[in-house]
């Protein structure tokens, strides 16, 4: 009797443990459905979160709350438009350009060119093309208060209206400007009568940031992004980096990193010290590369029949300007962010100041007699600083027979 009961139980147990394909498939489908549903909900939540977040913060120094903006009715509008207009797009040969933007204080056309006031462009008007970095583009100033706009106004005041085109772009170095000049010469019906280059801190920063000579800004990160894109036929999981979930987690990690790396709102830098010898060597790299680019512009000028001038712009990190307490604070911000860059910048400016070359004008000392606040951050001047710079450029260019 016991044997029969045991045998029956054994049979029942085997029946229960027997694999049930239909039940397994149902559970598998249910699990996959739940998993995909959770992923979809996570993606939607991450998408909504990313839409609600402001753009990643600009590096310290772009607050637009300095005394140079007090009483200016356009400041808040400019602050909003500056953040909204920071979007860039890939541009052939020069790598990036600002995307088109239309605002009250900032306007960028379909070619990435910022609006210039007092500029009259037609087939007969004297035409000036200006190339440079964000200091020329006009970070810290509305369209009507950029250096190109003030320069056009200077000509207008003496009864000589001109067409001034602002080809400046944030983060650009002179090589990109030379390439852009070449492209524009190929496609523009009206060639320039005068070409101006306005450079300085971006050029000085380049050998400090890059291991190789004559690379554009942020070369390593852009190179890594390009090379990380796997070919379509290759298998992999690179697509996960493009999901909303990954980007949301990445933004959260960046915010955590900023919080951990900051104390008392002061960014702590762990850059190694740089010797005076190394700083001088980097300065020579910058000057050598700049002079070679000048030679290329000179060749183009002979072929296309335009005049040219090169201006080295001022910075808070060099020169003898009597700094206000506010400007001194701005300089300390940069010294804490990039302490090793400061000696490189100063060595570069010292070298350019003592370089005697036709058509190269050093403006690093332009504010030596100005005690008022003029800077928006260590490399950008506000509207009044831009006006003074444009007046000096006009003074140099608007000599008898110089047109």
Protein backbone atom coordinates (compact mmCIF):
# COMPACT_ATOMS: atom_id res chain seq x y z
CA UNK A 1 0.00 0.00 0.00
CA UNK A 2 2.78 2.42 0.97
CA UNK A 3 4.62 1.56 -2.20
CA UNK A 4 1.59 2.46 -4.31
CA UNK A 5 1.10 5.80 -2.56
CA UNK A 6 4.79 6.65 -2.89
CA UNK A 7 4.73 5.75 -6.54
CA UNK A 8 1.69 7.92 -7.12
CA UNK A 9 3.32 10.86 -5.38
CA UNK A 10 6.45 10.40 -7.44
CA UNK A 11 4.40 10.46 -10.63
CA UNK A 12 2.55 13.60 -9.52
CA UNK A 13 5.85 15.32 -8.66
CA UNK A 14 7.31 14.49 -12.04
CA UNK A 15 4.17 15.85 -13.69
CA UNK A 16 4.48 19.13 -11.79
CA UNK A 17 8.17 19.48 -12.64
CA UNK A 18 7.72 18.65 -16.28
CA UNK A 19 8.56 21.56 -18.57
CA UNK A 20 5.50 23.34 -19.91
CA UNK A 21 6.47 25.15 -23.18
CA UNK A 22 3.21 27.07 -23.51
CA UNK A 23 3.38 28.42 -19.98
CA UNK A 24 7.06 29.40 -20.42
CA UNK A 25 6.34 31.27 -23.66
CA UNK A 26 3.51 33.17 -22.02
CA UNK A 27 5.71 34.18 -19.08
CA UNK A 28 8.55 35.17 -21.41
CA UNK A 29 6.26 37.34 -23.53
CA UNK A 30 4.83 38.93 -20.39
CA UNK A 31 8.34 39.67 -19.08
CA UNK A 32 9.47 41.17 -22.40
CA UNK A 33 6.31 43.29 -22.60
CA UNK A 34 6.78 44.57 -19.06
CA UNK A 35 10.46 45.27 -19.74
CA UNK A 36 9.76 47.19 -22.93
CA UNK A 37 6.96 49.10 -21.21
CA UNK A 38 9.31 50.11 -18.38
CA UNK A 39 11.98 51.15 -20.91
CA UNK A 40 9.45 53.20 -22.88
CA UNK A 41 8.22 54.88 -19.69
CA UNK A 42 11.81 55.55 -18.65
CA UNK A 43 12.62 57.05 -22.05
CA UNK A 44 9.51 59.24 -21.91
CA UNK A 45 10.32 60.39 -18.38
CA UNK A 46 13.93 61.15 -19.40
CA UNK A 47 12.70 63.00 -22.51
CA UNK A 48 10.35 65.18 -20.46
CA UNK A 49 13.07 65.85 -17.91
CA UNK A 50 15.62 66.86 -20.58
CA UNK A 51 13.06 69.19 -22.19
CA UNK A 52 12.43 70.91 -18.88
CA UNK A 53 16.10 71.34 -18.01
CA UNK A 54 17.97 74.49 -19.06
CA UNK A 55 20.97 74.11 -21.41
CA UNK A 56 24.23 73.00 -19.77
CA UNK A 57 25.70 76.03 -18.00
CA UNK A 58 28.22 78.21 -19.79
CA UNK A 59 31.66 78.15 -18.13
CA UNK A 60 31.95 80.60 -15.22
CA UNK A 61 32.18 84.20 -16.29
CA UNK A 62 29.01 84.66 -18.39
CA UNK A 63 26.65 86.07 -15.77
CA UNK A 64 25.97 89.44 -17.44
CA UNK A 65 25.31 91.00 -14.03
CA UNK A 66 28.46 93.10 -13.86
CA UNK A 67 28.34 96.84 -13.28
CA UNK A 68 28.94 97.48 -16.99
CA UNK A 69 25.36 96.32 -17.59
CA UNK A 70 23.64 98.34 -14.89
CA UNK A 71 20.82 100.47 -16.22
CA UNK A 72 20.77 98.69 -19.59
CA UNK A 73 17.18 97.77 -20.45
CA UNK A 74 18.23 95.04 -22.88
CA UNK A 75 20.29 92.92 -20.45
CA UNK A 76 17.64 90.41 -19.36
CA UNK A 77 16.50 89.90 -22.93
CA UNK A 78 20.12 89.41 -24.00
CA UNK A 79 20.73 86.91 -21.19
CA UNK A 80 17.84 84.76 -22.40
CA UNK A 81 18.74 85.05 -26.06
CA UNK A 82 22.39 84.30 -25.44
CA UNK A 83 21.49 80.96 -23.84
CA UNK A 84 18.96 80.17 -26.58
CA UNK A 85 21.37 81.07 -29.40
CA UNK A 86 24.24 78.87 -28.24
CA UNK A 87 23.14 75.97 -30.46
CA UNK A 88 25.74 75.17 -33.09
CA UNK A 89 25.60 73.05 -36.22
CA UNK A 90 28.22 71.21 -38.22
CA UNK A 91 29.76 73.37 -40.92
CA UNK A 92 31.86 72.08 -43.79
CA UNK A 93 35.62 72.60 -43.32
CA UNK A 94 35.35 74.95 -40.31
CA UNK A 95 33.67 72.25 -38.13
CA UNK A 96 31.01 74.38 -36.41
CA UNK A 97 28.94 77.50 -36.82
CA UNK A 98 26.05 78.96 -34.84
CA UNK A 99 22.63 77.88 -36.01
CA UNK A 100 20.28 80.59 -37.34
CA UNK A 101 18.66 82.62 -34.59
CA UNK A 102 16.33 85.61 -34.61
CA UNK A 103 15.96 87.74 -31.50
CA UNK A 104 15.82 91.34 -30.36
CA UNK A 105 19.44 91.49 -29.18
CA UNK A 106 21.00 88.59 -31.11
CA UNK A 107 20.33 87.72 -34.73
CA UNK A 108 22.23 85.12 -36.74
CA UNK A 109 21.43 84.48 -40.39
CA UNK A 110 21.19 81.18 -42.27
CA UNK A 111 24.96 81.23 -42.93
CA UNK A 112 25.81 81.66 -39.24
CA UNK A 113 26.72 85.35 -39.64
CA UNK A 114 25.70 87.72 -36.85
CA UNK A 115 23.86 90.92 -37.67
CA UNK A 116 25.94 94.12 -37.91
CA UNK A 117 24.31 97.51 -37.36
CA UNK A 118 25.19 100.59 -39.46
CA UNK A 119 26.26 98.25 -42.26
CA UNK A 120 25.06 98.95 -45.80
CA UNK A 121 25.76 96.16 -48.25
CA UNK A 122 25.35 96.42 -52.00
CA UNK A 123 27.45 95.91 -55.10
CA UNK A 124 29.13 99.32 -54.84
CA UNK A 125 29.72 99.83 -51.10
CA UNK A 126 33.20 99.51 -49.62
CA UNK A 127 33.18 96.04 -48.02
CA UNK A 128 34.97 94.90 -44.86
CA UNK A 129 35.08 91.28 -43.73
CA UNK A 130 36.04 90.66 -40.10
CA UNK A 131 37.15 87.29 -38.70
CA UNK A 132 37.84 86.25 -35.13
CA UNK A 133 36.66 84.40 -32.02
CA UNK A 134 33.86 85.10 -29.53
CA UNK A 135 35.36 88.48 -28.61
CA UNK A 136 34.67 89.59 -32.18
CA UNK A 137 31.36 87.72 -32.46
CA UNK A 138 30.26 89.84 -29.52
CA UNK A 139 29.78 87.69 -26.41
CA UNK A 140 28.51 90.09 -23.77
CA UNK A 141 27.03 92.62 -26.18
CA UNK A 142 23.85 93.00 -28.26
CA UNK A 143 24.03 93.19 -32.04
CA UNK A 144 24.32 96.98 -32.08
CA UNK A 145 27.23 97.00 -29.60
CA UNK A 146 29.65 94.51 -31.15
CA UNK A 147 33.04 95.63 -32.47
CA UNK A 148 31.94 95.26 -36.14
CA UNK A 149 28.80 97.33 -35.48
CA UNK A 150 30.78 100.09 -33.78
CA UNK A 151 33.34 100.00 -36.59
CA UNK A 152 30.61 100.44 -39.21
CA UNK A 153 29.21 103.31 -37.14
CA UNK A 154 32.62 105.02 -37.11
CA UNK A 155 32.72 105.01 -40.90
CA UNK A 156 29.11 106.16 -41.08
CA UNK A 157 29.85 109.16 -38.86
CA UNK A 158 32.50 110.47 -41.25
CA UNK A 159 30.14 110.16 -44.19
CA UNK A 160 31.71 107.00 -45.58
CA UNK A 161 29.14 104.17 -45.24
CA UNK A 162 30.57 100.67 -45.48
CA UNK A 163 29.43 97.06 -45.54
CA UNK A 164 30.85 95.21 -42.53
CA UNK A 165 30.35 91.46 -42.23
CA UNK A 166 31.02 89.79 -38.87
CA UNK A 167 32.40 86.30 -39.53
CA UNK A 168 33.47 85.84 -35.91
CA UNK A 169 32.54 82.62 -34.12
CA UNK A 170 32.87 81.35 -30.57
CA UNK A 171 35.92 79.13 -30.08
CA UNK A 172 37.34 79.79 -33.53
CA UNK A 173 41.05 80.22 -34.07
CA UNK A 174 42.71 82.01 -36.95
CA UNK A 175 43.13 78.90 -39.12
CA UNK A 176 39.35 78.48 -39.18
CA UNK A 177 39.02 82.13 -40.10
CA UNK A 178 41.47 81.70 -42.98
CA UNK A 179 39.50 78.69 -44.23
CA UNK A 180 36.25 80.65 -43.96
CA UNK A 181 37.84 83.54 -45.86
CA UNK A 182 38.85 81.15 -48.64
CA UNK A 183 35.35 79.69 -48.87
CA UNK A 184 33.73 83.13 -48.95
CA UNK A 185 36.11 84.34 -51.66
CA UNK A 186 35.02 81.38 -53.78
CA UNK A 187 31.29 82.06 -53.50
CA UNK A 188 30.79 85.79 -52.85
CA UNK A 189 29.95 87.99 -55.83
CA UNK A 190 31.19 91.12 -54.06
CA UNK A 191 34.76 90.56 -52.91
CA UNK A 192 36.05 92.40 -49.84
CA UNK A 193 38.01 95.62 -50.05
CA UNK A 194 39.46 95.06 -46.59
CA UNK A 195 39.87 91.93 -44.46
CA UNK A 196 40.43 92.16 -40.70
CA UNK A 197 41.46 89.44 -38.28
CA UNK A 198 40.84 89.98 -34.56
CA UNK A 199 42.45 87.30 -32.39
CA UNK A 200 44.06 86.77 -29.01
CA UNK A 201 43.06 84.52 -26.12
CA UNK A 202 41.73 81.63 -28.22
CA UNK A 203 45.04 81.51 -30.12
CA UNK A 204 46.97 81.65 -26.85
CA UNK A 205 44.90 78.84 -25.36
CA UNK A 206 45.39 76.46 -28.29
CA UNK A 207 48.91 75.08 -27.64
CA UNK A 208 48.06 74.88 -23.94
CA UNK A 209 45.00 72.72 -24.67
CA UNK A 210 46.26 70.63 -27.60
CA UNK A 211 49.18 68.24 -27.99
CA UNK A 212 49.55 68.92 -31.71
CA UNK A 213 50.20 72.19 -33.51
CA UNK A 214 47.41 73.97 -35.36
CA UNK A 215 44.31 72.10 -34.23
CA UNK A 216 40.94 73.68 -33.61
CA UNK A 217 39.54 74.16 -30.14
CA UNK A 218 38.35 71.04 -28.28
CA UNK A 219 39.95 68.86 -30.94
CA UNK A 220 40.28 65.77 -28.72
CA UNK A 221 36.63 65.65 -27.62
CA UNK A 222 35.30 66.28 -31.14
CA UNK A 223 37.68 63.66 -32.55
CA UNK A 224 36.53 61.14 -29.95
CA UNK A 225 32.87 61.81 -30.73
CA UNK A 226 33.44 61.33 -34.46
CA UNK A 227 35.47 58.15 -34.08
CA UNK A 228 33.01 56.64 -31.59
CA UNK A 229 30.33 56.54 -34.27
CA UNK A 230 30.29 52.91 -35.42
CA UNK A 231 29.65 52.07 -39.09
CA UNK A 232 26.08 51.04 -39.85
CA UNK A 233 27.09 47.50 -40.71
CA UNK A 234 28.97 46.96 -37.45
CA UNK A 235 27.24 45.45 -34.45
CA UNK A 236 27.41 47.11 -31.06
CA UNK A 237 25.61 49.08 -28.41
CA UNK A 238 26.74 52.58 -29.34
CA UNK A 239 23.14 53.55 -30.03
CA UNK A 240 22.45 53.44 -26.29
CA UNK A 241 24.44 56.65 -25.87
CA UNK A 242 21.83 58.44 -27.97
CA UNK A 243 18.88 57.44 -25.78
CA UNK A 244 17.14 59.95 -23.56
CA UNK A 245 17.84 57.77 -20.55
CA UNK A 246 21.60 57.78 -21.14
CA UNK A 247 21.65 61.54 -21.75
CA UNK A 248 19.63 62.20 -18.61
CA UNK A 249 22.00 60.06 -16.55
CA UNK A 250 24.97 61.83 -18.15
CA UNK A 251 23.54 65.25 -17.27
CA UNK A 252 22.98 64.07 -13.70
CA UNK A 253 26.58 62.82 -13.50
CA UNK A 254 27.89 66.15 -14.83
CA UNK A 255 25.90 68.05 -12.22
CA UNK A 256 27.20 65.76 -9.47
CA UNK A 257 30.75 66.26 -10.72
CA UNK A 258 30.33 70.04 -10.68
CA UNK A 259 28.98 69.93 -7.14
CA UNK A 260 31.81 67.73 -5.90
CA UNK A 261 34.49 69.78 -7.64
CA UNK A 262 33.23 73.08 -6.24
CA UNK A 263 33.38 74.49 -2.76
CA UNK A 264 31.95 77.85 -1.86
CA UNK A 265 31.14 78.47 -5.56
CA UNK A 266 34.86 78.40 -6.38
CA UNK A 267 36.00 75.85 -8.93
CA UNK A 268 39.01 73.90 -7.71
CA UNK A 269 41.60 73.13 -10.37
CA UNK A 270 44.19 70.39 -10.15
CA UNK A 271 46.24 71.46 -13.16
CA UNK A 272 49.98 70.91 -12.87
CA UNK A 273 52.20 73.96 -12.69
CA UNK A 274 53.88 75.07 -15.91
CA UNK A 275 57.41 76.40 -16.12
CA UNK A 276 58.36 79.73 -17.65
CA UNK A 277 60.35 77.83 -20.28
CA UNK A 278 57.34 75.78 -21.34
CA UNK A 279 55.10 78.86 -21.37
CA UNK A 280 57.59 80.65 -23.63
CA UNK A 281 57.75 77.63 -25.95
CA UNK A 282 53.95 77.58 -26.27
CA UNK A 283 53.96 81.30 -26.99
CA UNK A 284 56.43 80.77 -29.84
CA UNK A 285 54.21 78.03 -31.26
CA UNK A 286 51.29 80.46 -31.32
CA UNK A 287 53.28 83.26 -32.94
CA UNK A 288 54.84 80.99 -35.58
CA UNK A 289 51.48 79.57 -36.57
CA UNK A 290 49.89 83.01 -36.64
CA UNK A 291 52.60 84.42 -38.91
CA UNK A 292 52.15 81.51 -41.31
CA UNK A 293 48.42 82.19 -41.48
CA UNK A 294 49.20 85.84 -42.15
CA UNK A 295 51.32 84.78 -45.12
CA UNK A 296 48.39 82.84 -46.56
CA UNK A 297 46.10 85.87 -46.19
CA UNK A 298 48.73 88.04 -47.90
CA UNK A 299 48.81 85.65 -50.87
CA UNK A 300 45.00 85.72 -51.10
CA UNK A 301 45.06 89.51 -50.86
CA UNK A 302 47.37 89.80 -53.85
CA UNK A 303 45.17 87.50 -55.90
CA UNK A 304 41.84 89.08 -54.99
CA UNK A 305 42.99 92.66 -54.53
CA UNK A 306 41.98 93.43 -50.96
CA UNK A 307 43.79 95.11 -48.07
CA UNK A 308 44.26 93.33 -44.75
CA UNK A 309 45.05 94.03 -41.10
CA UNK A 310 45.57 91.82 -38.04
CA UNK A 311 44.68 92.93 -34.51
CA UNK A 312 45.67 91.17 -31.27
CA UNK A 313 42.89 91.84 -28.79
CA UNK A 314 43.15 92.74 -25.07
CA UNK A 315 42.60 90.42 -22.09
CA UNK A 316 42.33 90.74 -18.33
CA UNK A 317 45.24 88.31 -17.96
CA UNK A 318 47.81 90.62 -19.59
CA UNK A 319 48.48 94.31 -19.97
CA UNK A 320 48.66 97.12 -17.44
CA UNK A 321 45.03 98.16 -17.16
CA UNK A 322 44.20 99.41 -13.64
CA UNK A 323 41.65 96.77 -12.67
CA UNK A 324 38.52 97.53 -10.72
CA UNK A 325 37.61 95.22 -7.83
CA UNK A 326 35.08 93.58 -10.12
CA UNK A 327 37.63 92.96 -12.89
CA UNK A 328 40.12 91.64 -10.36
CA UNK A 329 37.49 89.14 -9.26
CA UNK A 330 36.90 88.10 -12.87
CA UNK A 331 40.60 87.53 -13.36
CA UNK A 332 40.82 85.39 -10.22
CA UNK A 333 37.99 83.22 -11.55
CA UNK A 334 40.04 82.36 -14.63
CA UNK A 335 43.23 81.92 -12.62
CA UNK A 336 41.43 79.30 -10.49
CA UNK A 337 39.87 77.58 -13.49
CA UNK A 338 43.08 77.40 -15.56
CA UNK A 339 46.03 78.41 -13.39
CA UNK A 340 48.55 76.93 -15.82
CA UNK A 341 47.11 78.87 -18.74
CA UNK A 342 47.76 82.25 -17.14
CA UNK A 343 51.58 82.18 -17.62
CA UNK A 344 51.10 80.85 -21.15
CA UNK A 345 48.72 83.68 -21.99
CA UNK A 346 51.03 86.32 -20.53
CA UNK A 347 54.06 84.90 -22.33
CA UNK A 348 52.13 84.92 -25.60
CA UNK A 349 50.98 88.49 -25.15
CA UNK A 350 54.49 89.61 -24.25
CA UNK A 351 55.78 88.00 -27.43
CA UNK A 352 53.15 89.56 -29.65
CA UNK A 353 53.66 92.97 -28.08
CA UNK A 354 57.33 92.92 -29.07
CA UNK A 355 56.75 91.48 -32.57
CA UNK A 356 57.31 94.05 -35.27
CA UNK A 357 55.41 92.98 -38.35
CA UNK A 358 53.60 95.05 -41.00
CA UNK A 359 49.82 95.01 -40.63
CA UNK A 360 49.94 93.36 -37.19
CA UNK A 361 48.64 95.67 -34.47
CA UNK A 362 48.84 94.88 -30.77
CA UNK A 363 45.82 96.08 -28.78
CA UNK A 364 46.72 94.38 -25.50
CA UNK A 365 47.58 97.74 -23.93
CA UNK A 366 44.58 99.69 -25.23
CA UNK A 367 42.97 100.00 -21.78
CA UNK A 368 46.09 100.96 -19.82
CA UNK A 369 44.68 104.42 -19.11
CA UNK A 370 41.12 103.33 -18.36
CA UNK A 371 40.19 102.88 -14.70
CA UNK A 372 36.53 102.02 -15.30
CA UNK A 373 35.20 98.46 -15.63
CA UNK A 374 35.20 97.34 -19.27
CA UNK A 375 35.35 93.51 -19.19
CA UNK A 376 32.53 90.98 -19.18
CA UNK A 377 34.97 88.20 -18.36
CA UNK A 378 38.70 87.62 -18.83
CA UNK A 379 38.55 87.72 -22.66
CA UNK A 380 35.32 89.56 -23.56
CA UNK A 381 34.71 93.27 -23.30
CA UNK A 382 31.30 94.83 -22.77
CA UNK A 383 29.70 97.44 -25.05
CA UNK A 384 31.91 100.34 -23.90
CA UNK A 385 35.07 98.28 -24.30
CA UNK A 386 33.93 97.24 -27.77
CA UNK A 387 33.33 100.88 -28.68
CA UNK A 388 36.84 101.86 -27.59
CA UNK A 389 38.39 98.98 -29.52
CA UNK A 390 36.43 99.80 -32.68
CA UNK A 391 37.48 103.44 -32.41
CA UNK A 392 41.13 102.42 -32.18
CA UNK A 393 40.83 100.06 -35.15
CA UNK A 394 39.14 102.82 -37.14
CA UNK A 395 41.90 105.24 -36.15
CA UNK A 396 44.53 102.82 -37.44
CA UNK A 397 42.69 102.06 -40.67
CA UNK A 398 41.18 105.44 -41.46
CA UNK A 399 44.42 107.18 -42.31
CA UNK A 400 44.89 109.36 -45.40
CA UNK A 401 45.14 107.01 -48.36
CA UNK A 402 44.42 103.96 -46.23
CA UNK A 403 41.04 103.21 -47.80
